[in-house]
Amino acid sequence: MYHAGSERRLFAQIAESGVKEPLVGVTKSGQHILLDGFKRWRCAKKLSLPSLPFRSISTDESTGIIGFVRHSNAHSLTIVEQACLVGELRRVHGLSISEIARQLEKSVAWVSIRCSVLADMSPLVREHVMLGNFPIYSYMYHVRQFMRINKSAPEDADSFVGATAAKGLSQRDIGLLASAYFKGGAEIRRQIDDGKINICLESLHKTDVTAVDYSKEEQGVIADLDLVGRRMRRLGFSIKKASLKSPSFFATAQLLSGGIIRALPTFTEGIKYLYDRGRPEKERCHLT
């Protein structure tokens, strides 16, 4: 997936000191098939570098993909990237869902979810998601859900994503806009299609009953939850980068990480409580 900010920083690093961490992939019949290192490859191409370090993990594509995904915690693959690789195993290499699950040592449900992520995603939506212009979770839990509930046409998703992509919107704002777009009237849909996003959001924030009913303490919790979610995702991409290597960094990170680990039990208990409490009684899973 593309990320303009990280690629700009990576470009500057590579321009100064070259590509130090090898690209990873499969070598088959003398050809290098890339699995990990697309950002480094794009930066190197812009810099016209003649060659790059490359580490081959297999001579077979499906075996290479399986091995790469199994160890993807170290590479912070997004759910979309996982879905693309799982889809490759199914479409190109003919592996069944159960076989993929067995080889990846994952559940069948884990594989099925990733098979379905891209199934009903149009080329336009997929492009915006892969470019980082539209959050995948906003598509999965807002756009796709409303489409299924309202039996909306795929063109509606294209129109909504096209109108709201690359606008710097939070997932909460996208959720509000999606609800209005797929469940509201023709007027607000027309405003969103015309790009009047700020006007729509201002109106929605004023009329959103749940937002109006928030107490000051509740507003603070909602803001913290949104911030924690975004920071967790960002940390997931950055904490295992090879460029993080100075002793002073790891000394400080160890202290901070220790504090987080000690706070995790209380934090996790509270998050599970909020998740369960917000569901209707008959749908509560009573997480433990």
C-alpha atoms as a PDB file:
ATOM      1  CA  MET A   1       0.000   0.000   0.000  1.00  0.00           C
ATOM      2  CA  TYR A   2       1.122   3.535  -0.707  1.00  0.00           C
ATOM      3  CA  HIS A   3       1.803   6.048   2.042  1.00  0.00           C
ATOM      4  CA  ALA A   4       2.992   9.405   0.740  1.00  0.00           C
ATOM      5  CA  GLY A   5       4.521  10.598   4.013  1.00  0.00           C
ATOM      6  CA  SER A   6       6.506   7.461   4.776  1.00  0.00           C
ATOM      7  CA  GLU A   7       7.680   7.201   1.162  1.00  0.00           C
ATOM      8  CA  ARG A   8       8.977  10.792   1.245  1.00  0.00           C
ATOM      9  CA  ARG A   9      10.980  10.002   4.376  1.00  0.00           C
ATOM     10  CA  LEU A  10      12.188   6.722   2.896  1.00  0.00           C
ATOM     11  CA  PHE A  11      13.186   8.482  -0.325  1.00  0.00           C
ATOM     12  CA  ALA A  12      15.383  10.907   1.625  1.00  0.00           C
ATOM     13  CA  GLN A  13      17.006   8.058   3.579  1.00  0.00           C
ATOM     14  CA  ILE A  14      17.729   6.035   0.442  1.00  0.00           C
ATOM     15  CA  ALA A  15      19.063   9.101  -1.398  1.00  0.00           C
ATOM     16  CA  GLU A  16      21.519   9.621   1.459  1.00  0.00           C
ATOM     17  CA  SER A  17      22.613   6.101   2.322  1.00  0.00           C
ATOM     18  CA  GLY A  18      21.079   3.701  -0.227  1.00  0.00           C
ATOM     19  CA  VAL A  19      18.904   0.632   0.385  1.00  0.00           C
ATOM     20  CA  LYS A  20      20.291  -1.215   3.395  1.00  0.00           C
ATOM     21  CA  GLU A  21      17.478  -3.687   4.122  1.00  0.00           C
ATOM     22  CA  PRO A  22      17.145  -6.279   1.334  1.00  0.00           C
ATOM     23  CA  LEU A  23      13.926  -6.600  -0.614  1.00  0.00           C
ATOM     24  CA  VAL A  24      12.246  -9.969  -0.080  1.00  0.00           C
ATOM     25  CA  GLY A  25      10.661 -12.278  -2.613  1.00  0.00           C
ATOM     26  CA  VAL A  26      10.855 -15.413  -4.702  1.00  0.00           C
ATOM     27  CA  THR A  27      13.420 -16.344  -7.329  1.00  0.00           C
ATOM     28  CA  LYS A  28      11.887 -18.437 -10.108  1.00  0.00           C
ATOM     29  CA  SER A  29      13.523 -19.285 -13.422  1.00  0.00           C
ATOM     30  CA  GLY A  30      16.035 -16.494 -12.926  1.00  0.00           C
ATOM     31  CA  GLN A  31      13.353 -13.880 -12.231  1.00  0.00           C
ATOM     32  CA  HIS A  32      12.903 -12.004  -8.959  1.00  0.00           C
ATOM     33  CA  ILE A  33       9.257 -11.843  -7.841  1.00  0.00           C
ATOM     34  CA  LEU A  34       8.829  -9.148  -5.191  1.00  0.00           C
ATOM     35  CA  LEU A  35       6.805  -9.776  -2.008  1.00  0.00           C
ATOM     36  CA  ASP A  36       8.148  -7.165   0.398  1.00  0.00           C
ATOM     37  CA  GLY A  37       9.877  -3.869  -0.357  1.00  0.00           C
ATOM     38  CA  PHE A  38       7.622  -2.108  -2.849  1.00  0.00           C
ATOM     39  CA  LYS A  39       8.158   1.309  -1.224  1.00  0.00           C
ATOM     40  CA  ARG A  40      11.936   0.829  -1.337  1.00  0.00           C
ATOM     41  CA  TRP A  41      11.681  -0.338  -4.948  1.00  0.00           C
ATOM     42  CA  ARG A  42       9.629   2.717  -5.971  1.00  0.00           C
ATOM     43  CA  CYS A  43      12.056   5.080  -4.238  1.00  0.00           C
ATOM     44  CA  ALA A  44      15.072   3.354  -5.805  1.00  0.00           C
ATOM     45  CA  LYS A  45      13.450   3.550  -9.234  1.00  0.00           C
ATOM     46  CA  LYS A  46      12.933   7.308  -8.849  1.00  0.00           C
ATOM     47  CA  LEU A  47      16.602   7.619  -7.889  1.00  0.00           C
ATOM     48  CA  SER A  48      17.660   5.473 -10.883  1.00  0.00           C
ATOM     49  CA  LEU A  49      19.645   3.074  -8.704  1.00  0.00           C
ATOM     50  CA  PRO A  50      21.141   0.332 -10.897  1.00  0.00           C
ATOM     51  CA  SER A  51      20.626  -2.562  -8.452  1.00  0.00           C
ATOM     52  CA  LEU A  52      19.114  -3.443  -5.091  1.00  0.00           C
ATOM     53  CA  PRO A  53      19.862  -6.043  -2.388  1.00  0.00           C
ATOM     54  CA  PHE A  54      17.388  -8.934  -2.636  1.00  0.00           C
ATOM     55  CA  ARG A  55      16.735 -11.912  -0.372  1.00  0.00           C
ATOM     56  CA  SER A  56      14.982 -14.904  -1.878  1.00  0.00           C
ATOM     57  CA  ILE A  57      12.868 -16.982   0.525  1.00  0.00           C
ATOM     58  CA  SER A  58      11.773 -19.648  -1.978  1.00  0.00           C
ATOM     59  CA  THR A  59      11.877 -20.835  -5.563  1.00  0.00           C
ATOM     60  CA  ASP A  60       8.114 -21.434  -5.540  1.00  0.00           C
ATOM     61  CA  GLU A  61       5.600 -18.555  -5.513  1.00  0.00           C
ATOM     62  CA  SER A  62       2.897 -20.105  -3.327  1.00  0.00           C
ATOM     63  CA  THR A  63       5.452 -21.401  -0.807  1.00  0.00           C
ATOM     64  CA  GLY A  64       7.051 -17.960  -0.704  1.00  0.00           C
ATOM     65  CA  ILE A  65       3.724 -16.223  -0.120  1.00  0.00           C
ATOM     66  CA  ILE A  66       2.791 -18.691   2.627  1.00  0.00           C
ATOM     67  CA  GLY A  67       6.111 -18.159   4.391  1.00  0.00           C
ATOM     68  CA  PHE A  68       5.923 -14.392   4.028  1.00  0.00           C
ATOM     69  CA  VAL A  69       2.367 -14.102   5.394  1.00  0.00           C
ATOM     70  CA  ARG A  70       3.136 -16.469   8.292  1.00  0.00           C
ATOM     71  CA  HIS A  71       5.914 -14.158   9.415  1.00  0.00           C
ATOM     72  CA  SER A  72       4.081 -10.946   8.515  1.00  0.00           C
ATOM     73  CA  ASN A  73       3.946  -9.712  12.108  1.00  0.00           C
ATOM     74  CA  ALA A  74       7.481  -8.528  11.541  1.00  0.00           C
ATOM     75  CA  HIS A  75       6.424  -6.755   8.353  1.00  0.00           C
ATOM     76  CA  SER A  76       3.149  -5.192   9.570  1.00  0.00           C
ATOM     77  CA  LEU A  77       1.014  -6.264   6.638  1.00  0.00           C
ATOM     78  CA  THR A  78      -2.328  -4.490   6.495  1.00  0.00           C
ATOM     79  CA  ILE A  79      -5.531  -6.508   6.157  1.00  0.00           C
ATOM     80  CA  VAL A  80      -5.735  -5.383   2.503  1.00  0.00           C
ATOM     81  CA  GLU A  81      -2.235  -6.635   1.762  1.00  0.00           C
ATOM     82  CA  GLN A  82      -3.045  -9.905   3.511  1.00  0.00           C
ATOM     83  CA  ALA A  83      -6.234 -10.125   1.432  1.00  0.00           C
ATOM     84  CA  CYS A  84      -4.300  -9.573  -1.810  1.00  0.00           C
ATOM     85  CA  LEU A  85      -1.821 -12.318  -0.968  1.00  0.00           C
ATOM     86  CA  VAL A  86      -4.512 -14.759   0.185  1.00  0.00           C
ATOM     87  CA  GLY A  87      -6.442 -13.969  -3.010  1.00  0.00           C
ATOM     88  CA  GLU A  88      -3.331 -14.765  -5.038  1.00  0.00           C
ATOM     89  CA  LEU A  89      -3.082 -18.157  -3.338  1.00  0.00           C
ATOM     90  CA  ARG A  90      -6.728 -18.893  -4.175  1.00  0.00           C
ATOM     91  CA  ARG A  91      -7.056 -17.506  -7.712  1.00  0.00           C
ATOM     92  CA  VAL A  92      -3.618 -18.156  -9.174  1.00  0.00           C
ATOM     93  CA  HIS A  93      -2.403 -21.172  -7.227  1.00  0.00           C
ATOM     94  CA  GLY A  94      -5.775 -22.864  -6.635  1.00  0.00           C
ATOM     95  CA  LEU A  95      -5.483 -23.410  -2.873  1.00  0.00           C
ATOM     96  CA  SER A  96      -8.724 -23.896  -0.948  1.00  0.00           C
ATOM     97  CA  ILE A  97      -9.634 -21.788   2.089  1.00  0.00           C
ATOM     98  CA  SER A  98      -9.049 -24.727   4.434  1.00  0.00           C
ATOM     99  CA  GLU A  99      -5.662 -25.493   2.844  1.00  0.00           C
ATOM    100  CA  ILE A 100      -4.569 -21.851   3.137  1.00  0.00           C
ATOM    101  CA  ALA A 101      -5.696 -21.795   6.768  1.00  0.00           C
ATOM    102  CA  ARG A 102      -3.760 -24.972   7.514  1.00  0.00           C
ATOM    103  CA  GLN A 103      -0.547 -23.781   5.889  1.00  0.00           C
ATOM    104  CA  LEU A 104      -0.750 -20.318   7.443  1.00  0.00           C
ATOM    105  CA  GLU A 105      -1.667 -21.804  10.823  1.00  0.00           C
ATOM    106  CA  LYS A 106      -4.679 -19.500  10.924  1.00  0.00           C
ATOM    107  CA  SER A 107      -8.392 -20.172  11.427  1.00  0.00           C
ATOM    108  CA  VAL A 108     -10.705 -20.716   8.470  1.00  0.00           C
ATOM    109  CA  ALA A 109     -12.589 -17.583   9.597  1.00  0.00           C
ATOM    110  CA  TRP A 110      -9.355 -15.530   9.378  1.00  0.00           C
ATOM    111  CA  VAL A 111      -8.823 -16.630   5.778  1.00  0.00           C
ATOM    112  CA  SER A 112     -12.514 -16.234   4.831  1.00  0.00           C
ATOM    113  CA  ILE A 113     -12.598 -12.625   6.057  1.00  0.00           C
ATOM    114  CA  ARG A 114      -9.584 -11.767   3.929  1.00  0.00           C
ATOM    115  CA  CYS A 115     -11.074 -13.513   0.926  1.00  0.00           C
ATOM    116  CA  SER A 116     -14.206 -11.388   1.267  1.00  0.00           C
ATOM    117  CA  VAL A 117     -12.454  -8.041   1.804  1.00  0.00           C
ATOM    118  CA  LEU A 118     -11.766  -7.476  -1.894  1.00  0.00           C
ATOM    119  CA  ALA A 119     -14.608  -9.600  -3.289  1.00  0.00           C
ATOM    120  CA  ASP A 120     -17.145  -6.790  -3.734  1.00  0.00           C
ATOM    121  CA  MET A 121     -14.650  -3.918  -3.974  1.00  0.00           C
ATOM    122  CA  SER A 122     -14.751  -2.107  -7.312  1.00  0.00           C
ATOM    123  CA  PRO A 123     -11.508  -1.122  -9.087  1.00  0.00           C
ATOM    124  CA  LEU A 124     -12.076   2.539  -8.136  1.00  0.00           C
ATOM    125  CA  VAL A 125     -12.564   1.769  -4.441  1.00  0.00           C
ATOM    126  CA  ARG A 126      -9.644  -0.641  -4.419  1.00  0.00           C
ATOM    127  CA  GLU A 127      -7.372   1.989  -5.979  1.00  0.00           C
ATOM    128  CA  HIS A 128      -8.291   4.579  -3.324  1.00  0.00           C
ATOM    129  CA  VAL A 129      -7.761   2.034  -0.532  1.00  0.00           C
ATOM    130  CA  MET A 130      -4.398   0.874  -1.897  1.00  0.00           C
ATOM    131  CA  LEU A 131      -3.258   4.485  -2.329  1.00  0.00           C
ATOM    132  CA  GLY A 132      -4.139   5.159   1.300  1.00  0.00           C
ATOM    133  CA  ASN A 133      -6.790   7.701   0.308  1.00  0.00           C
ATOM    134  CA  PHE A 134      -9.638   5.851   2.027  1.00  0.00           C
ATOM    135  CA  PRO A 135      -9.385   3.749   5.239  1.00  0.00           C
ATOM    136  CA  ILE A 136     -10.087   0.074   4.651  1.00  0.00           C
ATOM    137  CA  TYR A 137     -11.934  -0.222   7.954  1.00  0.00           C
ATOM    138  CA  SER A 138     -14.263   2.633   6.976  1.00  0.00           C
ATOM    139  CA  TYR A 139     -15.088   0.711   3.820  1.00  0.00           C
ATOM    140  CA  MET A 140     -15.596  -2.584   5.639  1.00  0.00           C
ATOM    141  CA  TYR A 141     -17.624  -1.333   8.583  1.00  0.00           C
ATOM    142  CA  HIS A 142     -19.441   1.642   7.082  1.00  0.00           C
ATOM    143  CA  VAL A 143     -19.722   1.652   3.301  1.00  0.00           C
ATOM    144  CA  ARG A 144     -20.056  -2.095   2.748  1.00  0.00           C
ATOM    145  CA  GLN A 145     -22.397  -2.556   5.702  1.00  0.00           C
ATOM    146  CA  PHE A 146     -24.757   0.206   4.557  1.00  0.00           C
ATOM    147  CA  MET A 147     -24.679  -1.155   1.027  1.00  0.00           C
ATOM    148  CA  ARG A 148     -25.727  -4.590   2.248  1.00  0.00           C
ATOM    149  CA  ILE A 149     -28.467  -3.229   4.498  1.00  0.00           C
ATOM    150  CA  ASN A 150     -29.907  -0.854   1.903  1.00  0.00           C
ATOM    151  CA  LYS A 151     -29.216  -3.068  -1.138  1.00  0.00           C
ATOM    152  CA  SER A 152     -27.375  -0.169  -2.744  1.00  0.00           C
ATOM    153  CA  ALA A 153     -25.721  -0.499  -6.131  1.00  0.00           C
ATOM    154  CA  PRO A 154     -21.898  -0.749  -6.379  1.00  0.00           C
ATOM    155  CA  GLU A 155     -21.971   2.589  -8.205  1.00  0.00           C
ATOM    156  CA  ASP A 156     -23.160   4.223  -4.979  1.00  0.00           C
ATOM    157  CA  ALA A 157     -20.031   3.042  -3.175  1.00  0.00           C
ATOM    158  CA  ASP A 158     -17.881   4.380  -6.004  1.00  0.00           C
ATOM    159  CA  SER A 159     -19.602   7.764  -5.788  1.00  0.00           C
ATOM    160  CA  PHE A 160     -19.291   7.996  -2.011  1.00  0.00           C
ATOM    161  CA  VAL A 161     -15.659   6.864  -1.842  1.00  0.00           C
ATOM    162  CA  GLY A 162     -14.760   9.114  -4.760  1.00  0.00           C
ATOM    163  CA  ALA A 163     -16.339  12.112  -2.994  1.00  0.00           C
ATOM    164  CA  THR A 164     -14.745  11.499   0.428  1.00  0.00           C
ATOM    165  CA  ALA A 165     -11.350   9.949  -0.392  1.00  0.00           C
ATOM    166  CA  ALA A 166      -8.146  11.877   0.315  1.00  0.00           C
ATOM    167  CA  LYS A 167     -10.000  14.511   2.364  1.00  0.00           C
ATOM    168  CA  GLY A 168      -8.218  13.783   5.649  1.00  0.00           C
ATOM    169  CA  LEU A 169     -11.446  12.687   7.320  1.00  0.00           C
ATOM    170  CA  SER A 170     -11.516  10.699  10.556  1.00  0.00           C
ATOM    171  CA  GLN A 171     -13.206   7.313  10.562  1.00  0.00           C
ATOM    172  CA  ARG A 172     -15.969   8.764  12.740  1.00  0.00           C
ATOM    173  CA  ASP A 173     -16.660  11.521  10.203  1.00  0.00           C
ATOM    174  CA  ILE A 174     -16.664   8.989   7.363  1.00  0.00           C
ATOM    175  CA  GLY A 175     -19.154   6.926   9.360  1.00  0.00           C
ATOM    176  CA  LEU A 176     -21.459   9.929   9.796  1.00  0.00           C
ATOM    177  CA  LEU A 177     -21.227  10.797   6.097  1.00  0.00           C
ATOM    178  CA  ALA A 178     -21.804   7.186   5.029  1.00  0.00           C
ATOM    179  CA  SER A 179     -24.903   6.918   7.220  1.00  0.00           C
ATOM    180  CA  ALA A 180     -26.287  10.113   5.708  1.00  0.00           C
ATOM    181  CA  TYR A 181     -25.355   9.109   2.171  1.00  0.00           C
ATOM    182  CA  PHE A 182     -26.854   5.622   2.225  1.00  0.00           C
ATOM    183  CA  LYS A 183     -29.749   6.244   4.613  1.00  0.00           C
ATOM    184  CA  GLY A 184     -30.524   9.952   4.212  1.00  0.00           C
ATOM    185  CA  GLY A 185     -32.365  11.886   1.560  1.00  0.00           C
ATOM    186  CA  ALA A 186     -31.423  12.910  -1.938  1.00  0.00           C
ATOM    187  CA  GLU A 187     -30.392  16.423  -0.907  1.00  0.00           C
ATOM    188  CA  ILE A 188     -27.572  15.440   1.445  1.00  0.00           C
ATOM    189  CA  ARG A 189     -26.412  12.802  -1.033  1.00  0.00           C
ATOM    190  CA  ARG A 190     -26.252  15.487  -3.697  1.00  0.00           C
ATOM    191  CA  GLN A 191     -24.215  17.721  -1.375  1.00  0.00           C
ATOM    192  CA  ILE A 192     -21.693  14.948  -0.714  1.00  0.00           C
ATOM    193  CA  ASP A 193     -21.462  14.128  -4.432  1.00  0.00           C
ATOM    194  CA  ASP A 194     -20.838  17.838  -5.110  1.00  0.00           C
ATOM    195  CA  GLY A 195     -17.932  17.837  -2.664  1.00  0.00           C
ATOM    196  CA  LYS A 196     -19.582  19.973   0.031  1.00  0.00           C
ATOM    197  CA  ILE A 197     -18.139  17.730   2.726  1.00  0.00           C
ATOM    198  CA  ASN A 198     -17.490  20.376   5.392  1.00  0.00           C
ATOM    199  CA  ILE A 199     -21.012  21.784   5.094  1.00  0.00           C
ATOM    200  CA  CYS A 200     -22.488  18.289   5.420  1.00  0.00           C
ATOM    201  CA  LEU A 201     -20.336  17.439   8.425  1.00  0.00           C
ATOM    202  CA  GLU A 202     -21.237  20.668  10.185  1.00  0.00           C
ATOM    203  CA  SER A 203     -24.904  19.901   9.683  1.00  0.00           C
ATOM    204  CA  LEU A 204     -24.523  16.271  10.724  1.00  0.00           C
ATOM    205  CA  HIS A 205     -22.621  17.140  13.891  1.00  0.00           C
ATOM    206  CA  LYS A 206     -25.386  19.539  14.875  1.00  0.00           C
ATOM    207  CA  THR A 207     -28.206  17.098  14.207  1.00  0.00           C
ATOM    208  CA  ASP A 208     -26.499  13.874  15.287  1.00  0.00           C
ATOM    209  CA  VAL A 209     -28.440  12.863  18.395  1.00  0.00           C
ATOM    210  CA  THR A 210     -25.648  10.774  19.839  1.00  0.00           C
ATOM    211  CA  ALA A 211     -23.170  13.632  19.483  1.00  0.00           C
ATOM    212  CA  VAL A 212     -25.565  16.137  21.095  1.00  0.00           C
ATOM    213  CA  ASP A 213     -26.231  13.792  24.007  1.00  0.00           C
ATOM    214  CA  TYR A 214     -22.548  13.258  24.865  1.00  0.00           C
ATOM    215  CA  SER A 215     -21.538  14.612  28.261  1.00  0.00           C
ATOM    216  CA  LYS A 216     -18.172  16.320  28.579  1.00  0.00           C
ATOM    217  CA  GLU A 217     -16.674  13.121  30.032  1.00  0.00           C
ATOM    218  CA  GLU A 218     -18.185  11.024  27.216  1.00  0.00           C
ATOM    219  CA  GLN A 219     -16.794  13.374  24.581  1.00  0.00           C
ATOM    220  CA  GLY A 220     -13.367  12.934  26.164  1.00  0.00           C
ATOM    221  CA  VAL A 221     -13.619   9.130  26.094  1.00  0.00           C
ATOM    222  CA  ILE A 222     -14.740   9.127  22.440  1.00  0.00           C
ATOM    223  CA  ALA A 223     -11.853  11.416  21.481  1.00  0.00           C
ATOM    224  CA  ASP A 224      -9.371   9.216  23.385  1.00  0.00           C
ATOM    225  CA  LEU A 225     -10.708   6.034  21.767  1.00  0.00           C
ATOM    226  CA  ASP A 226     -10.350   7.564  18.297  1.00  0.00           C
ATOM    227  CA  LEU A 227      -6.812   8.734  19.101  1.00  0.00           C
ATOM    228  CA  VAL A 228      -5.731   5.395  20.614  1.00  0.00           C
ATOM    229  CA  GLY A 229      -7.076   3.480  17.601  1.00  0.00           C
ATOM    230  CA  ARG A 230      -5.185   5.663  15.135  1.00  0.00           C
ATOM    231  CA  ARG A 231      -1.965   5.621  17.166  1.00  0.00           C
ATOM    232  CA  MET A 232      -2.095   1.828  17.587  1.00  0.00           C
ATOM    233  CA  ARG A 233      -2.370   1.348  13.831  1.00  0.00           C
ATOM    234  CA  ARG A 234       0.499   3.775  13.214  1.00  0.00           C
ATOM    235  CA  LEU A 235       2.708   2.074  15.796  1.00  0.00           C
ATOM    236  CA  GLY A 236       1.934  -1.297  14.263  1.00  0.00           C
ATOM    237  CA  PHE A 237       3.557  -0.123  11.030  1.00  0.00           C
ATOM    238  CA  SER A 238       6.623   1.532  12.580  1.00  0.00           C
ATOM    239  CA  ILE A 239       7.864  -0.244  15.709  1.00  0.00           C
ATOM    240  CA  LYS A 240       9.738  -3.017  13.888  1.00  0.00           C
ATOM    241  CA  LYS A 241      11.426  -0.948  11.206  1.00  0.00           C
ATOM    242  CA  ALA A 242      15.080  -1.735  10.637  1.00  0.00           C
ATOM    243  CA  SER A 243      15.907   1.983  10.884  1.00  0.00           C
ATOM    244  CA  LEU A 244      15.066   1.909  14.612  1.00  0.00           C
ATOM    245  CA  LYS A 245      18.389   0.743  16.003  1.00  0.00           C
ATOM    246  CA  SER A 246      20.073   3.269  18.316  1.00  0.00           C
ATOM    247  CA  PRO A 247      20.756   2.066  21.893  1.00  0.00           C
ATOM    248  CA  SER A 248      19.299   5.261  23.378  1.00  0.00           C
ATOM    249  CA  PHE A 249      16.060   4.753  21.444  1.00  0.00           C
ATOM    250  CA  PHE A 250      15.649   1.183  22.711  1.00  0.00           C
ATOM    251  CA  ALA A 251      16.486   2.207  26.282  1.00  0.00           C
ATOM    252  CA  THR A 252      13.734   4.834  26.240  1.00  0.00           C
ATOM    253  CA  ALA A 253      11.341   2.574  24.326  1.00  0.00           C
ATOM    254  CA  GLN A 254      11.864  -0.176  26.898  1.00  0.00           C
ATOM    255  CA  LEU A 255      10.843   2.121  29.746  1.00  0.00           C
ATOM    256  CA  LEU A 256       7.767   3.364  27.932  1.00  0.00           C
ATOM    257  CA  SER A 257       6.811  -0.104  26.689  1.00  0.00           C
ATOM    258  CA  GLY A 258       7.097  -1.469  30.224  1.00  0.00           C
ATOM    259  CA  GLY A 259       4.599   1.105  31.437  1.00  0.00           C
ATOM    260  CA  ILE A 260       2.204   0.184  28.637  1.00  0.00           C
ATOM    261  CA  ILE A 261       2.527  -3.539  29.376  1.00  0.00           C
ATOM    262  CA  ARG A 262       1.730  -2.940  33.050  1.00  0.00           C
ATOM    263  CA  ALA A 263      -1.330  -0.898  32.093  1.00  0.00           C
ATOM    264  CA  LEU A 264      -2.603  -3.428  29.526  1.00  0.00           C
ATOM    265  CA  PRO A 265      -4.743  -5.615  31.841  1.00  0.00           C
ATOM    266  CA  THR A 266      -6.769  -2.661  33.139  1.00  0.00           C
ATOM    267  CA  PHE A 267      -6.933  -1.075  29.688  1.00  0.00           C
ATOM    268  CA  THR A 268      -8.038  -4.309  27.988  1.00  0.00           C
ATOM    269  CA  GLU A 269     -10.696  -4.934  30.620  1.00  0.00           C
ATOM    270  CA  GLY A 270     -12.107  -1.431  30.082  1.00  0.00           C
ATOM    271  CA  ILE A 271     -12.110  -1.737  26.285  1.00  0.00           C
ATOM    272  CA  LYS A 272     -13.899  -5.091  26.445  1.00  0.00           C
ATOM    273  CA  TYR A 273     -16.457  -3.583  28.819  1.00  0.00           C
ATOM    274  CA  LEU A 274     -17.157  -0.693  26.412  1.00  0.00           C
ATOM    275  CA  TYR A 275     -17.411  -3.034  23.445  1.00  0.00           C
ATOM    276  CA  ASP A 276     -19.855  -5.341  25.207  1.00  0.00           C
ATOM    277  CA  ARG A 277     -21.879  -2.585  26.893  1.00  0.00           C
ATOM    278  CA  GLY A 278     -22.521  -0.812  23.590  1.00  0.00           C
ATOM    279  CA  ARG A 279     -24.255  -3.839  22.044  1.00  0.00           C
ATOM    280  CA  PRO A 280     -27.930  -4.781  22.511  1.00  0.00           C
ATOM    281  CA  GLU A 281     -28.435  -7.220  25.381  1.00  0.00           C
ATOM    282  CA  LYS A 282     -29.316 -10.137  23.121  1.00  0.00           C
ATOM    283  CA  GLU A 283     -26.181  -9.557  21.001  1.00  0.00           C
ATOM    284  CA  ARG A 284     -23.720  -9.131  23.840  1.00  0.00           C
ATOM    285  CA  CYS A 285     -20.901 -11.607  23.821  1.00  0.00           C
ATOM    286  CA  HIS A 286     -19.880 -10.974  27.446  1.00  0.00           C
ATOM    287  CA  LEU A 287     -16.198 -10.883  26.635  1.00  0.00           C
ATOM    288  CA  THR A 288     -13.821 -12.127  29.299  1.00  0.00           C
END
